[in-house]
Every structure is written in C-alpha cells, then in structure tokens.
PDB file of all heavy atoms in Angstrom:
ATOM      1  N   THR A   1      40.846 -81.969 119.109  1.00  0.00           N
ATOM      2  CA  THR A   1      41.097 -82.426 117.730  1.00  0.00           C
ATOM      3  C   THR A   1      40.904 -83.956 117.677  1.00  0.00           C
ATOM      4  O   THR A   1      41.739 -84.665 118.190  1.00  0.00           O
ATOM      5  CB  THR A   1      42.531 -82.036 117.194  1.00  0.00           C
ATOM      6  OG1 THR A   1      42.692 -80.634 117.386  1.00  0.00           O
ATOM      7  CG2 THR A   1      42.751 -82.511 115.789  1.00  0.00           C
ATOM      8  N   SER A   2      39.879 -84.403 117.024  1.00  0.00           N
ATOM      9  CA  SER A   2      39.576 -85.815 117.003  1.00  0.00           C
ATOM     10  C   SER A   2      40.471 -86.477 115.888  1.00  0.00           C
ATOM     11  O   SER A   2      40.486 -85.928 114.755  1.00  0.00           O
ATOM     12  CB  SER A   2      38.140 -86.052 116.653  1.00  0.00           C
ATOM     13  OG  SER A   2      37.301 -85.587 117.668  1.00  0.00           O
ATOM     14  N   PRO A   3      41.130 -87.540 116.163  1.00  0.00           N
ATOM     15  CA  PRO A   3      41.926 -88.217 115.121  1.00  0.00           C
ATOM     16  C   PRO A   3      41.067 -88.834 114.080  1.00  0.00           C
ATOM     17  O   PRO A   3      39.885 -89.102 114.356  1.00  0.00           O
ATOM     18  CB  PRO A   3      42.711 -89.239 115.908  1.00  0.00           C
ATOM     19  CG  PRO A   3      41.886 -89.561 117.114  1.00  0.00           C
ATOM     20  CD  PRO A   3      41.201 -88.234 117.495  1.00  0.00           C
ATOM     21  N   PRO A   4      41.589 -88.985 112.851  1.00  0.00           N
ATOM     22  CA  PRO A   4      40.781 -89.604 111.838  1.00  0.00           C
ATOM     23  C   PRO A   4      40.233 -90.958 112.300  1.00  0.00           C
ATOM     24  O   PRO A   4      40.811 -91.632 113.083  1.00  0.00           O
ATOM     25  CB  PRO A   4      41.784 -89.786 110.686  1.00  0.00           C
ATOM     26  CG  PRO A   4      42.765 -88.669 110.948  1.00  0.00           C
ATOM     27  CD  PRO A   4      42.896 -88.622 112.458  1.00  0.00           C
ATOM     28  N   LYS A   5      39.099 -91.377 111.709  1.00  0.00           N
ATOM     29  CA  LYS A   5      38.306 -92.522 112.229  1.00  0.00           C
ATOM     30  C   LYS A   5      38.978 -93.841 111.993  1.00  0.00           C
ATOM     31  O   LYS A   5      39.052 -94.627 112.892  1.00  0.00           O
ATOM     32  CB  LYS A   5      36.975 -92.473 111.633  1.00  0.00           C
ATOM     33  CG  LYS A   5      36.011 -93.469 112.220  1.00  0.00           C
ATOM     34  CD  LYS A   5      34.596 -93.329 111.718  1.00  0.00           C
ATOM     35  CE  LYS A   5      33.689 -94.343 112.348  1.00  0.00           C
ATOM     36  NZ  LYS A   5      32.309 -94.273 111.814  1.00  0.00           N
ATOM     37  N   ASP A   6      39.429 -94.101 110.743  1.00  0.00           N
ATOM     38  CA  ASP A   6      39.832 -95.517 110.454  1.00  0.00           C
ATOM     39  C   ASP A   6      41.248 -95.464 109.897  1.00  0.00           C
ATOM     40  O   ASP A   6      41.555 -94.767 108.964  1.00  0.00           O
ATOM     41  CB  ASP A   6      38.933 -96.124 109.422  1.00  0.00           C
ATOM     42  CG  ASP A   6      37.528 -96.414 110.001  1.00  0.00           C
ATOM     43  OD1 ASP A   6      37.486 -97.153 111.027  1.00  0.00           O
ATOM     44  OD2 ASP A   6      36.532 -95.893 109.485  1.00  0.00           O
ATOM     45  N   TYR A   7      42.121 -96.295 110.469  1.00  0.00           N
ATOM     46  CA  TYR A   7      43.507 -96.395 110.113  1.00  0.00           C
ATOM     47  C   TYR A   7      43.866 -97.702 109.469  1.00  0.00           C
ATOM     48  O   TYR A   7      43.405 -98.758 109.917  1.00  0.00           O
ATOM     49  CB  TYR A   7      44.387 -96.251 111.397  1.00  0.00           C
ATOM     50  CG  TYR A   7      44.275 -94.890 112.072  1.00  0.00           C
ATOM     51  CD1 TYR A   7      43.165 -94.649 112.908  1.00  0.00           C
ATOM     52  CD2 TYR A   7      45.179 -93.864 111.865  1.00  0.00           C
ATOM     53  CE1 TYR A   7      43.104 -93.425 113.546  1.00  0.00           C
ATOM     54  CE2 TYR A   7      45.089 -92.665 112.452  1.00  0.00           C
ATOM     55  CZ  TYR A   7      44.081 -92.427 113.304  1.00  0.00           C
ATOM     56  OH  TYR A   7      43.943 -91.199 113.939  1.00  0.00           O
ATOM     57  N   ILE A   8      44.693 -97.610 108.455  1.00  0.00           N
ATOM     58  CA  ILE A   8      45.287 -98.868 107.821  1.00  0.00           C
ATOM     59  C   ILE A   8      46.732 -98.812 107.884  1.00  0.00           C
ATOM     60  O   ILE A   8      47.416 -97.883 107.467  1.00  0.00           O
ATOM     61  CB  ILE A   8      44.802 -98.985 106.363  1.00  0.00           C
ATOM     62  CG1 ILE A   8      43.333 -99.416 106.272  1.00  0.00           C
ATOM     63  CG2 ILE A   8      45.675-100.022 105.584  1.00  0.00           C
ATOM     64  CD1 ILE A   8      42.782 -99.398 104.851  1.00  0.00           C
ATOM     65  N   PHE A   9      47.340 -99.851 108.470  1.00  0.00           N
ATOM     66  CA  PHE A   9      48.755-100.122 108.426  1.00  0.00           C
ATOM     67  C   PHE A   9      48.996-101.070 107.190  1.00  0.00           C
ATOM     68  O   PHE A   9      48.540-102.223 107.247  1.00  0.00           O
ATOM     69  CB  PHE A   9      49.268-100.769 109.635  1.00  0.00           C
ATOM     70  CG  PHE A   9      49.401 -99.826 110.854  1.00  0.00           C
ATOM     71  CD1 PHE A   9      48.251 -99.408 111.547  1.00  0.00           C
ATOM     72  CD2 PHE A   9      50.611 -99.374 111.237  1.00  0.00           C
ATOM     73  CE1 PHE A   9      48.347 -98.558 112.605  1.00  0.00           C
ATOM     74  CE2 PHE A   9      50.767 -98.489 112.346  1.00  0.00           C
ATOM     75  CZ  PHE A   9      49.583 -98.071 112.999  1.00  0.00           C
ATOM     76  N   PHE A  10      49.633-100.570 106.215  1.00  0.00           N
ATOM     77  CA  PHE A  10      49.848-101.389 104.984  1.00  0.00           C
ATOM     78  C   PHE A  10      51.293-101.843 104.936  1.00  0.00           C
ATOM     79  O   PHE A  10      52.232-101.024 104.878  1.00  0.00           O
ATOM     80  CB  PHE A  10      49.460-100.618 103.724  1.00  0.00           C
ATOM     81  CG  PHE A  10      49.659-101.484 102.476  1.00  0.00           C
ATOM     82  CD1 PHE A  10      48.760-102.488 102.200  1.00  0.00           C
ATOM     83  CD2 PHE A  10      50.710-101.277 101.602  1.00  0.00           C
ATOM     84  CE1 PHE A  10      48.916-103.340 101.062  1.00  0.00           C
ATOM     85  CE2 PHE A  10      50.841-102.078 100.470  1.00  0.00           C
ATOM     86  CZ  PHE A  10      49.992-103.105 100.206  1.00  0.00           C
ATOM     87  N   LEU A  11      51.454-103.163 104.856  1.00  0.00           N
ATOM     88  CA  LEU A  11      52.806-103.773 104.812  1.00  0.00           C
ATOM     89  C   LEU A  11      52.998-104.520 103.504  1.00  0.00           C
ATOM     90  O   LEU A  11      52.295-105.451 103.173  1.00  0.00           O
ATOM     91  CB  LEU A  11      52.915-104.798 105.968  1.00  0.00           C
ATOM     92  CG  LEU A  11      52.607-104.234 107.368  1.00  0.00           C
ATOM     93  CD1 LEU A  11      52.579-105.395 108.407  1.00  0.00           C
ATOM     94  CD2 LEU A  11      53.612-103.169 107.771  1.00  0.00           C
ATOM     95  N   HIS A  12      53.922-103.986 102.655  1.00  0.00           N
ATOM     96  CA  HIS A  12      54.047-104.452 101.290  1.00  0.00           C
ATOM     97  C   HIS A  12      54.859-105.809 101.186  1.00  0.00           C
ATOM     98  O   HIS A  12      55.326-106.327 102.205  1.00  0.00           O
ATOM     99  CB  HIS A  12      54.719-103.366 100.433  1.00  0.00           C
ATOM    100  CG  HIS A  12      56.065-102.962 100.881  1.00  0.00           C
ATOM    101  ND1 HIS A  12      57.174-103.783 100.708  1.00  0.00           N
ATOM    102  CD2 HIS A  12      56.594-101.882 101.486  1.00  0.00           C
ATOM    103  CE1 HIS A  12      58.286-103.219 101.175  1.00  0.00           C
ATOM    104  NE2 HIS A  12      57.929-101.988 101.714  1.00  0.00           N
ATOM    105  N   ASN A  13      54.975-106.232  99.937  1.00  0.00           N
ATOM    106  CA  ASN A  13      55.640-107.476  99.713  1.00  0.00           C
ATOM    107  C   ASN A  13      57.145-107.381  99.650  1.00  0.00           C
ATOM    108  O   ASN A  13      57.711-106.301  99.770  1.00  0.00           O
ATOM    109  CB  ASN A  13      55.117-108.134  98.394  1.00  0.00           C
ATOM    110  CG  ASN A  13      55.404-107.205  97.209  1.00  0.00           C
ATOM    111  OD1 ASN A  13      55.770-106.055  97.308  1.00  0.00           O
ATOM    112  ND2 ASN A  13      55.285-107.840  95.984  1.00  0.00           N
ATOM    113  N   ARG A  14      57.862-108.582  99.488  1.00  0.00           N
ATOM    114  CA  ARG A  14      59.283-108.586  99.516  1.00  0.00           C
ATOM    115  C   ARG A  14      59.921-107.866  98.362  1.00  0.00           C
ATOM    116  O   ARG A  14      61.009-107.252  98.491  1.00  0.00           O
ATOM    117  CB  ARG A  14      59.776-110.082  99.594  1.00  0.00           C
ATOM    118  CG  ARG A  14      61.325-110.184  99.722  1.00  0.00           C
ATOM    119  CD  ARG A  14      61.737-111.634  99.401  1.00  0.00           C
ATOM    120  NE  ARG A  14      61.129-112.553 100.347  1.00  0.00           N
ATOM    121  CZ  ARG A  14      61.609-112.889 101.563  1.00  0.00           C
ATOM    122  NH1 ARG A  14      62.770-112.378 101.905  1.00  0.00           N
ATOM    123  NH2 ARG A  14      60.992-113.777 102.285  1.00  0.00           N
ATOM    124  N   PHE A  15      59.299-107.935  97.210  1.00  0.00           N
ATOM    125  CA  PHE A  15      59.847-107.377  95.970  1.00  0.00           C
ATOM    126  C   PHE A  15      60.282-105.887  96.229  1.00  0.00           C
ATOM    127  O   PHE A  15      61.293-105.380  95.754  1.00  0.00           O
ATOM    128  CB  PHE A  15      59.023-107.549  94.737  1.00  0.00           C
ATOM    129  CG  PHE A  15      59.535-107.018  93.477  1.00  0.00           C
ATOM    130  CD1 PHE A  15      60.510-107.709  92.796  1.00  0.00           C
ATOM    131  CD2 PHE A  15      59.093-105.819  92.933  1.00  0.00           C
ATOM    132  CE1 PHE A  15      61.029-107.287  91.597  1.00  0.00           C
ATOM    133  CE2 PHE A  15      59.583-105.380  91.718  1.00  0.00           C
ATOM    134  CZ  PHE A  15      60.573-106.039  91.084  1.00  0.00           C
ATOM    135  N   LEU A  16      59.400-105.191  96.851  1.00  0.00           N
ATOM    136  CA  LEU A  16      59.667-103.722  97.116  1.00  0.00           C
ATOM    137  C   LEU A  16      60.761-103.477  98.045  1.00  0.00           C
ATOM    138  O   LEU A  16      61.363-102.425  98.045  1.00  0.00           O
ATOM    139  CB  LEU A  16      58.403-103.072  97.559  1.00  0.00           C
ATOM    140  CG  LEU A  16      57.449-102.564  96.508  1.00  0.00           C
ATOM    141  CD1 LEU A  16      56.148-102.075  97.074  1.00  0.00           C
ATOM    142  CD2 LEU A  16      58.072-101.399  95.714  1.00  0.00           C
ATOM    143  N   GLU A  17      61.092-104.471  98.916  1.00  0.00           N
ATOM    144  CA  GLU A  17      62.229-104.321  99.812  1.00  0.00           C
ATOM    145  C   GLU A  17      63.526-104.295  98.994  1.00  0.00           C
ATOM    146  O   GLU A  17      64.454-103.511  99.301  1.00  0.00           O
ATOM    147  CB  GLU A  17      62.334-105.487 100.805  1.00  0.00           C
ATOM    148  CG  GLU A  17      61.508-105.370 101.985  1.00  0.00           C
ATOM    149  CD  GLU A  17      61.777-106.505 102.969  1.00  0.00           C
ATOM    150  OE1 GLU A  17      62.807-107.142 102.823  1.00  0.00           O
ATOM    151  OE2 GLU A  17      60.925-106.731 103.904  1.00  0.00           O
ATOM    152  N   GLU A  18      63.563-105.104  97.961  1.00  0.00           N
ATOM    153  CA  GLU A  18      64.855-105.357  97.267  1.00  0.00           C
ATOM    154  C   GLU A  18      64.975-104.503  95.988  1.00  0.00           C
ATOM    155  O   GLU A  18      66.007-104.469  95.341  1.00  0.00           O
ATOM    156  CB  GLU A  18      64.897-106.843  96.830  1.00  0.00           C
ATOM    157  CG  GLU A  18      64.651-107.847  97.958  1.00  0.00           C
ATOM    158  CD  GLU A  18      65.671-107.716  99.059  1.00  0.00           C
ATOM    159  OE1 GLU A  18      66.806-107.271  98.782  1.00  0.00           O
ATOM    160  OE2 GLU A  18      65.330-108.081 100.223  1.00  0.00           O
ATOM    161  N   ASN A  19      63.922-103.736  95.638  1.00  0.00           N
ATOM    162  CA  ASN A  19      63.923-103.023  94.410  1.00  0.00           C
ATOM    163  C   ASN A  19      63.366-101.554  94.566  1.00  0.00           C
ATOM    164  O   ASN A  19      62.581-101.305  95.447  1.00  0.00           O
ATOM    165  CB  ASN A  19      63.126-103.793  93.317  1.00  0.00           C
ATOM    166  CG  ASN A  19      63.720-105.083  93.014  1.00  0.00           C
ATOM    167  OD1 ASN A  19      64.629-105.204  92.130  1.00  0.00           O
ATOM    168  ND2 ASN A  19      63.244-106.195  93.587  1.00  0.00           N
ATOM    169  N   ASP A  20      63.751-100.753  93.545  1.00  0.00           N
ATOM    170  CA  ASP A  20      63.188 -99.375  93.524  1.00  0.00           C
ATOM    171  C   ASP A  20      61.693 -99.519  93.167  1.00  0.00           C
ATOM    172  O   ASP A  20      61.256-100.442  92.511  1.00  0.00           O
ATOM    173  CB  ASP A  20      63.884 -98.639  92.358  1.00  0.00           C
ATOM    174  CG  ASP A  20      63.414 -97.256  92.241  1.00  0.00           C
ATOM    175  OD1 ASP A  20      62.416 -97.013  91.532  1.00  0.00           O
ATOM    176  OD2 ASP A  20      63.997 -96.332  92.894  1.00  0.00           O
ATOM    177  N   PRO A  21      60.884 -98.600  93.688  1.00  0.00           N
ATOM    178  CA  PRO A  21      59.439 -98.628  93.410  1.00  0.00           C
ATOM    179  C   PRO A  21      59.058 -98.698  91.959  1.00  0.00           C
ATOM    180  O   PRO A  21      57.961 -99.136  91.596  1.00  0.00           O
ATOM    181  CB  PRO A  21      58.904 -97.377  94.122  1.00  0.00           C
ATOM    182  CG  PRO A  21      59.898 -97.107  95.170  1.00  0.00           C
ATOM    183  CD  PRO A  21      61.256 -97.541  94.671  1.00  0.00           C
ATOM    184  N   GLU A  22      59.927 -98.154  91.052  1.00  0.00           N
ATOM    185  CA  GLU A  22      59.587 -98.164  89.674  1.00  0.00           C
ATOM    186  C   GLU A  22      60.114 -99.441  88.957  1.00  0.00           C
ATOM    187  O   GLU A  22      59.853 -99.578  87.753  1.00  0.00           O
ATOM    188  CB  GLU A  22      60.239 -96.918  89.038  1.00  0.00           C
ATOM    189  CG  GLU A  22      59.615 -95.623  89.574  1.00  0.00           C
ATOM    190  CD  GLU A  22      58.148 -95.548  89.449  1.00  0.00           C
ATOM    191  OE1 GLU A  22      57.618 -95.865  88.381  1.00  0.00           O
ATOM    192  OE2 GLU A  22      57.486 -95.117  90.392  1.00  0.00           O
ATOM    193  N   ALA A  23      60.805-100.272  89.632  1.00  0.00           N
ATOM    194  CA  ALA A  23      61.360-101.482  89.010  1.00  0.00           C
ATOM    195  C   ALA A  23      60.261-102.463  88.633  1.00  0.00           C
ATOM    196  O   ALA A  23      59.198-102.487  89.298  1.00  0.00           O
ATOM    197  CB  ALA A  23      62.318-102.170  89.985  1.00  0.00           C
ATOM    198  N   LYS A  24      60.440-103.198  87.606  1.00  0.00           N
ATOM    199  CA  LYS A  24      59.473-104.194  87.090  1.00  0.00           C
ATOM    200  C   LYS A  24      59.863-105.613  87.374  1.00  0.00           C
ATOM    201  O   LYS A  24      60.983-105.998  87.060  1.00  0.00           O
ATOM    202  CB  LYS A  24      59.241-103.962  85.616  1.00  0.00           C
ATOM    203  CG  LYS A  24      58.450-102.700  85.278  1.00  0.00           C
ATOM    204  CD  LYS A  24      58.208-102.599  83.782  1.00  0.00           C
ATOM    205  CE  LYS A  24      57.447-101.336  83.450  1.00  0.00           C
ATOM    206  NZ  LYS A  24      57.114-101.281  82.016  1.00  0.00           N
ATOM    207  N   HIS A  25      59.034-106.351  88.040  1.00  0.00           N
ATOM    208  CA  HIS A  25      59.243-107.831  88.206  1.00  0.00           C
ATOM    209  C   HIS A  25      59.183-108.456  86.813  1.00  0.00           C
ATOM    210  O   HIS A  25      58.352-108.099  85.980  1.00  0.00           O
ATOM    211  CB  HIS A  25      58.172-108.435  89.142  1.00  0.00           C
ATOM    212  CG  HIS A  25      58.349-109.776  89.512  1.00  0.00           C
ATOM    213  ND1 HIS A  25      58.026-110.842  88.653  1.00  0.00           N
ATOM    214  CD2 HIS A  25      58.898-110.370  90.626  1.00  0.00           C
ATOM    215  CE1 HIS A  25      58.352-111.998  89.287  1.00  0.00           C
ATOM    216  NE2 HIS A  25      58.836-111.680  90.422  1.00  0.00           N
ATOM    217  N   PRO A  26      60.106-109.401  86.518  1.00  0.00           N
ATOM    218  CA  PRO A  26      60.097-109.993  85.190  1.00  0.00           C
ATOM    219  C   PRO A  26      58.803-110.667  84.807  1.00  0.00           C
ATOM    220  O   PRO A  26      58.515-110.753  83.586  1.00  0.00           O
ATOM    221  CB  PRO A  26      61.231-111.029  85.292  1.00  0.00           C
ATOM    222  CG  PRO A  26      61.486-111.204  86.758  1.00  0.00           C
ATOM    223  CD  PRO A  26      61.100-109.917  87.387  1.00  0.00           C
ATOM    224  N   GLU A  27      57.973-111.109  85.747  1.00  0.00           N
ATOM    225  CA  GLU A  27      56.746-111.802  85.388  1.00  0.00           C
ATOM    226  C   GLU A  27      55.549-110.905  85.754  1.00  0.00           C
ATOM    227  O   GLU A  27      54.555-110.904  85.015  1.00  0.00           O
ATOM    228  CB  GLU A  27      56.690-113.110  86.089  1.00  0.00           C
ATOM    229  CG  GLU A  27      55.406-113.904  85.771  1.00  0.00           C
ATOM    230  CD  GLU A  27      55.336-115.290  86.391  1.00  0.00           C
ATOM    231  OE1 GLU A  27      56.309-115.620  87.169  1.00  0.00           O
ATOM    232  OE2 GLU A  27      54.394-116.007  86.188  1.00  0.00           O
ATOM    233  N   TYR A  28      55.605-110.242  86.883  1.00  0.00           N
ATOM    234  CA  TYR A  28      54.367-109.572  87.333  1.00  0.00           C
ATOM    235  C   TYR A  28      54.326-108.029  87.106  1.00  0.00           C
ATOM    236  O   TYR A  28      53.309-107.418  87.359  1.00  0.00           O
ATOM    237  CB  TYR A  28      54.248-109.761  88.888  1.00  0.00           C
ATOM    238  CG  TYR A  28      54.312-111.230  89.294  1.00  0.00           C
ATOM    239  CD1 TYR A  28      55.133-111.668  90.339  1.00  0.00           C
ATOM    240  CD2 TYR A  28      53.597-112.218  88.595  1.00  0.00           C
ATOM    241  CE1 TYR A  28      55.171-113.011  90.693  1.00  0.00           C
ATOM    242  CE2 TYR A  28      53.662-113.567  88.909  1.00  0.00           C
ATOM    243  CZ  TYR A  28      54.475-113.922  89.963  1.00  0.00           C
ATOM    244  OH  TYR A  28      54.566-115.268  90.352  1.00  0.00           O
ATOM    245  N   GLY A  29      55.370-107.495  86.618  1.00  0.00           N
ATOM    246  CA  GLY A  29      55.450-106.034  86.336  1.00  0.00           C
ATOM    247  C   GLY A  29      55.725-105.252  87.589  1.00  0.00           C
ATOM    248  O   GLY A  29      56.258-105.786  88.601  1.00  0.00           O
ATOM    249  N   ARG A  30      55.459-103.971  87.553  1.00  0.00           N
ATOM    250  CA  ARG A  30      55.756-103.090  88.681  1.00  0.00           C
ATOM    251  C   ARG A  30      54.790-103.302  89.852  1.00  0.00           C
ATOM    252  O   ARG A  30      53.559-103.506  89.658  1.00  0.00           O
ATOM    253  CB  ARG A  30      55.659-101.636  88.202  1.00  0.00           C
ATOM    254  CG  ARG A  30      56.065-100.596  89.256  1.00  0.00           C
ATOM    255  CD  ARG A  30      56.184 -99.165  88.649  1.00  0.00           C
ATOM    256  NE  ARG A  30      54.845 -98.772  88.195  1.00  0.00           N
ATOM    257  CZ  ARG A  30      53.925 -98.198  88.997  1.00  0.00           C
ATOM    258  NH1 ARG A  30      54.200 -97.950  90.292  1.00  0.00           N
ATOM    259  NH2 ARG A  30      52.798 -97.765  88.503  1.00  0.00           N
ATOM    260  N   ALA A  31      55.391-103.320  91.037  1.00  0.00           N
ATOM    261  CA  ALA A  31      54.532-103.409  92.262  1.00  0.00           C
ATOM    262  C   ALA A  31      53.989-102.024  92.471  1.00  0.00           C
ATOM    263  O   ALA A  31      54.680-101.092  92.817  1.00  0.00           O
ATOM    264  CB  ALA A  31      55.390-103.833  93.424  1.00  0.00           C
ATOM    265  N   GLU A  32      52.675-101.853  92.301  1.00  0.00           N
ATOM    266  CA  GLU A  32      52.022-100.519  92.296  1.00  0.00           C
ATOM    267  C   GLU A  32      51.700-100.017  93.727  1.00  0.00           C
ATOM    268  O   GLU A  32      50.574 -99.806  94.075  1.00  0.00           O
ATOM    269  CB  GLU A  32      50.799-100.592  91.453  1.00  0.00           C
ATOM    270  CG  GLU A  32      51.158-100.930  89.974  1.00  0.00           C
ATOM    271  CD  GLU A  32      49.950-101.003  89.098  1.00  0.00           C
ATOM    272  OE1 GLU A  32      48.875-100.361  89.373  1.00  0.00           O
ATOM    273  OE2 GLU A  32      49.981-101.709  88.057  1.00  0.00           O
ATOM    274  N   TYR A  33      52.787 -99.876  94.492  1.00  0.00           N
ATOM    275  CA  TYR A  33      52.675 -99.542  95.856  1.00  0.00           C
ATOM    276  C   TYR A  33      51.943 -98.205  96.062  1.00  0.00           C
ATOM    277  O   TYR A  33      50.969 -98.130  96.879  1.00  0.00           O
ATOM    278  CB  TYR A  33      54.074 -99.479  96.502  1.00  0.00           C
ATOM    279  CG  TYR A  33      54.178 -98.968  97.910  1.00  0.00           C
ATOM    280  CD1 TYR A  33      53.581 -99.684  98.944  1.00  0.00           C
ATOM    281  CD2 TYR A  33      54.921 -97.863  98.199  1.00  0.00           C
ATOM    282  CE1 TYR A  33      53.733 -99.233 100.222  1.00  0.00           C
ATOM    283  CE2 TYR A  33      55.116 -97.439  99.462  1.00  0.00           C
ATOM    284  CZ  TYR A  33      54.502 -98.112 100.516  1.00  0.00           C
ATOM    285  OH  TYR A  33      54.613 -97.660 101.834  1.00  0.00           O
ATOM    286  N   LYS A  34      52.370 -97.136  95.406  1.00  0.00           N
ATOM    287  CA  LYS A  34      51.782 -95.822  95.603  1.00  0.00           C
ATOM    288  C   LYS A  34      50.297 -95.830  95.161  1.00  0.00           C
ATOM    289  O   LYS A  34      49.435 -95.194  95.808  1.00  0.00           O
ATOM    290  CB  LYS A  34      52.536 -94.848  94.756  1.00  0.00           C
ATOM    291  CG  LYS A  34      53.942 -94.567  95.245  1.00  0.00           C
ATOM    292  CD  LYS A  34      54.661 -93.503  94.346  1.00  0.00           C
ATOM    293  CE  LYS A  34      56.067 -93.307  94.859  1.00  0.00           C
ATOM    294  NZ  LYS A  34      56.832 -92.278  94.024  1.00  0.00           N
ATOM    295  N   GLU A  35      49.959 -96.569  94.106  1.00  0.00           N
ATOM    296  CA  GLU A  35      48.599 -96.627  93.656  1.00  0.00           C
ATOM    297  C   GLU A  35      47.693 -97.382  94.628  1.00  0.00           C
ATOM    298  O   GLU A  35      46.540 -96.995  94.876  1.00  0.00           O
ATOM    299  CB  GLU A  35      48.509 -97.368  92.296  1.00  0.00           C
ATOM    300  CG  GLU A  35      49.124 -96.559  91.130  1.00  0.00           C
ATOM    301  CD  GLU A  35      50.633 -96.736  91.001  1.00  0.00           C
ATOM    302  OE1 GLU A  35      51.280 -97.271  91.894  1.00  0.00           O
ATOM    303  OE2 GLU A  35      51.171 -96.301  89.945  1.00  0.00           O
ATOM    304  N   ILE A  36      48.244 -98.390  95.313  1.00  0.00           N
ATOM    305  CA  ILE A  36      47.518 -99.127  96.359  1.00  0.00           C
ATOM    306  C   ILE A  36      47.205 -98.209  97.567  1.00  0.00           C
ATOM    307  O   ILE A  36      46.071 -98.126  98.004  1.00  0.00           O
ATOM    308  CB  ILE A  36      48.257-100.305  96.822  1.00  0.00           C
ATOM    309  CG1 ILE A  36      48.252-101.416  95.700  1.00  0.00           C
ATOM    310  CG2 ILE A  36      47.664-100.942  98.086  1.00  0.00           C
ATOM    311  CD1 ILE A  36      49.255-102.578  95.884  1.00  0.00           C
ATOM    312  N   ILE A  37      48.229 -97.460  97.943  1.00  0.00           N
ATOM    313  CA  ILE A  37      48.037 -96.460  99.060  1.00  0.00           C
ATOM    314  C   ILE A  37      46.949 -95.444  98.691  1.00  0.00           C
ATOM    315  O   ILE A  37      46.087 -95.145  99.475  1.00  0.00           O
ATOM    316  CB  ILE A  37      49.383 -95.800  99.435  1.00  0.00           C
ATOM    317  CG1 ILE A  37      50.425 -96.805  99.849  1.00  0.00           C
ATOM    318  CG2 ILE A  37      49.126 -94.735 100.522  1.00  0.00           C
ATOM    319  CD1 ILE A  37      50.108 -97.587 101.029  1.00  0.00           C
ATOM    320  N   ALA A  38      47.080 -94.943  97.498  1.00  0.00           N
ATOM    321  CA  ALA A  38      46.183 -93.900  97.035  1.00  0.00           C
ATOM    322  C   ALA A  38      44.704 -94.407  96.966  1.00  0.00           C
ATOM    323  O   ALA A  38      43.778 -93.701  97.278  1.00  0.00           O
ATOM    324  CB  ALA A  38      46.566 -93.411  95.653  1.00  0.00           C
ATOM    325  N   GLU A  39      44.577 -95.699  96.575  1.00  0.00           N
ATOM    326  CA  GLU A  39      43.229 -96.265  96.559  1.00  0.00           C
ATOM    327  C   GLU A  39      42.546 -96.350  97.905  1.00  0.00           C
ATOM    328  O   GLU A  39      41.397 -96.084  98.102  1.00  0.00           O
ATOM    329  CB  GLU A  39      43.319 -97.644  95.860  1.00  0.00           C
ATOM    330  CG  GLU A  39      41.943 -98.367  95.761  1.00  0.00           C
ATOM    331  CD  GLU A  39      40.984 -97.679  94.923  1.00  0.00           C
ATOM    332  OE1 GLU A  39      41.400 -96.949  93.973  1.00  0.00           O
ATOM    333  OE2 GLU A  39      39.781 -97.893  95.165  1.00  0.00           O
TER     334      GLU A  39
END
C-alpha cells in the first residue's frame, strides 16, 4: 500500500488557539480553518 504522495502539515494562527472555530475576530472575521484545509 503506497502512502499518498504529497503531505502538508498545516499550523494555524494564534486566534484559533484562543477561540472557537466559528468565532469572529473583531477586525478580520472568522478564521476559515476548515475551508483552508479543504482547499
């Protein structure tokens, strides 16, 4: 079984550490973590 070819380790920003994924930053809006992964 050959492992998939290309791997990405994605490390998000500080805002997501301190907040729920659906929370909105007062200036920048929601950190679209799931959408970035999906892309």
